[in-house]
Protein backbone atom coordinates (compact mmCIF):
# COMPACT_ATOMS: atom_id res chain seq x y z
CA UNK A 1 6.60 1.27 12.38
CA UNK A 2 7.66 -2.48 12.09
CA UNK A 3 4.81 -3.79 14.25
CA UNK A 4 2.49 -1.58 12.14
CA UNK A 5 3.43 -2.95 8.63
CA UNK A 6 3.81 -6.53 9.88
CA UNK A 7 0.36 -6.38 11.74
CA UNK A 8 -1.00 -5.13 8.04
CA UNK A 9 0.57 -7.49 6.32
CA UNK A 10 -1.05 -9.82 8.68
CA UNK A 11 -4.09 -8.73 8.41
CA UNK A 12 -4.34 -8.60 4.47
CA UNK A 13 -3.26 -12.63 4.25
CA UNK A 14 -5.94 -13.24 6.94
CA UNK A 15 -7.97 -11.10 4.81
CA UNK A 16 -7.00 -13.15 1.37
CA UNK A 17 -7.17 -16.55 3.59
CA UNK A 18 -10.79 -15.47 4.62
CA UNK A 19 -12.27 -14.34 1.25
CA UNK A 20 -10.89 -17.85 0.37
CA UNK A 21 -12.15 -20.10 2.74
CA UNK A 22 -15.96 -18.03 1.66
CA UNK A 23 -15.66 -18.80 -1.88
CA UNK A 24 -14.34 -16.00 -3.95
CA UNK A 25 -15.00 -15.79 -7.33
CA UNK A 26 -12.33 -17.68 -8.23
CA UNK A 27 -10.51 -19.56 -6.28
CA UNK A 28 -6.58 -19.64 -5.88
CA UNK A 29 -4.73 -22.69 -7.55
CA UNK A 30 -2.33 -24.36 -4.84
CA UNK A 31 0.60 -22.58 -6.47
CA UNK A 32 -0.92 -19.44 -7.23
CA UNK A 33 -1.76 -19.02 -2.76
CA UNK A 34 1.91 -21.18 -2.60
CA UNK A 35 3.42 -17.60 -4.40
CA UNK A 36 1.55 -15.12 -2.01
CA UNK A 37 2.28 -16.58 0.74
CA UNK A 38 5.63 -16.59 -0.16
CA UNK A 39 5.34 -12.75 -0.87
CA UNK A 40 4.11 -12.68 2.39
CA UNK A 41 7.39 -14.42 3.88
CA UNK A 42 9.23 -12.25 1.66
CA UNK A 43 7.77 -8.63 2.88
CA UNK A 44 8.20 -10.26 6.39
CA UNK A 45 11.83 -11.16 5.56
CA UNK A 46 12.51 -7.84 4.30
CA UNK A 47 11.33 -6.09 6.91
CA UNK A 48 13.43 -8.36 9.97
CA UNK A 49 16.44 -7.02 7.83
CA UNK A 50 15.09 -3.78 7.76
CA UNK A 51 15.25 -3.45 3.09
CA UNK A 52 11.27 -3.29 3.76
CA UNK A 53 10.39 -0.43 1.44
CA UNK A 54 12.69 -0.66 -0.86
CA UNK A 55 13.26 -1.56 -4.47
CA UNK A 56 14.35 -4.83 -4.78
CA UNK A 57 15.46 -4.33 -8.60
CA UNK A 58 16.63 -0.55 -8.08
CA UNK A 59 17.16 -0.15 -4.13
CA UNK A 60 15.22 3.01 -4.30
CA UNK A 61 12.19 4.01 -2.06
CA UNK A 62 8.63 2.25 -2.70
CA UNK A 63 6.19 4.89 -2.35
CA UNK A 64 4.04 4.82 0.42
CA UNK A 65 1.01 5.21 -1.07
CA UNK A 66 2.06 1.84 -3.15
CA UNK A 67 3.27 0.18 0.38
CA UNK A 68 -0.20 1.40 1.74
CA UNK A 69 -2.77 -0.20 -0.61
CA UNK A 70 0.16 -3.50 -1.69
CA UNK A 71 1.96 -4.47 1.72
CA UNK A 72 3.95 -7.62 0.23
CA UNK A 73 5.28 -4.92 -2.91
CA UNK A 74 8.93 -5.61 -3.42
CA UNK A 75 9.28 -3.10 -6.49
CA UNK A 76 8.81 0.41 -6.81
CA UNK A 77 6.11 1.19 -9.35
CA UNK A 78 9.19 1.93 -12.14
CA UNK A 79 10.44 -0.97 -11.71
CA UNK A 80 7.36 -2.82 -12.16
CA UNK A 81 6.20 -1.27 -15.50
CA UNK A 82 9.82 -2.47 -16.31
CA UNK A 83 9.46 -6.18 -15.53
CA UNK A 84 5.19 -5.92 -17.16
CA UNK A 85 6.70 -4.53 -20.61
CA UNK A 86 9.29 -7.31 -20.82
């Protein structure tokens, strides 16, 4: 399972970088790119530490669908809605 998640994270990051090199519709700033890489690094660290798939806010499991769509996500949908609303 871990190897699969790691490959998915790496593939998604590679996809984003490839799009950037090809000139995506909106080019990311250096700060946005650093934040993106930091999110993926944090996801890989959570994977190593066995925290991957748990919400960083509440500790509850993050849905498999959410992780499949956004493998570097650190929060469950409920906590993310609360963060966005604040």
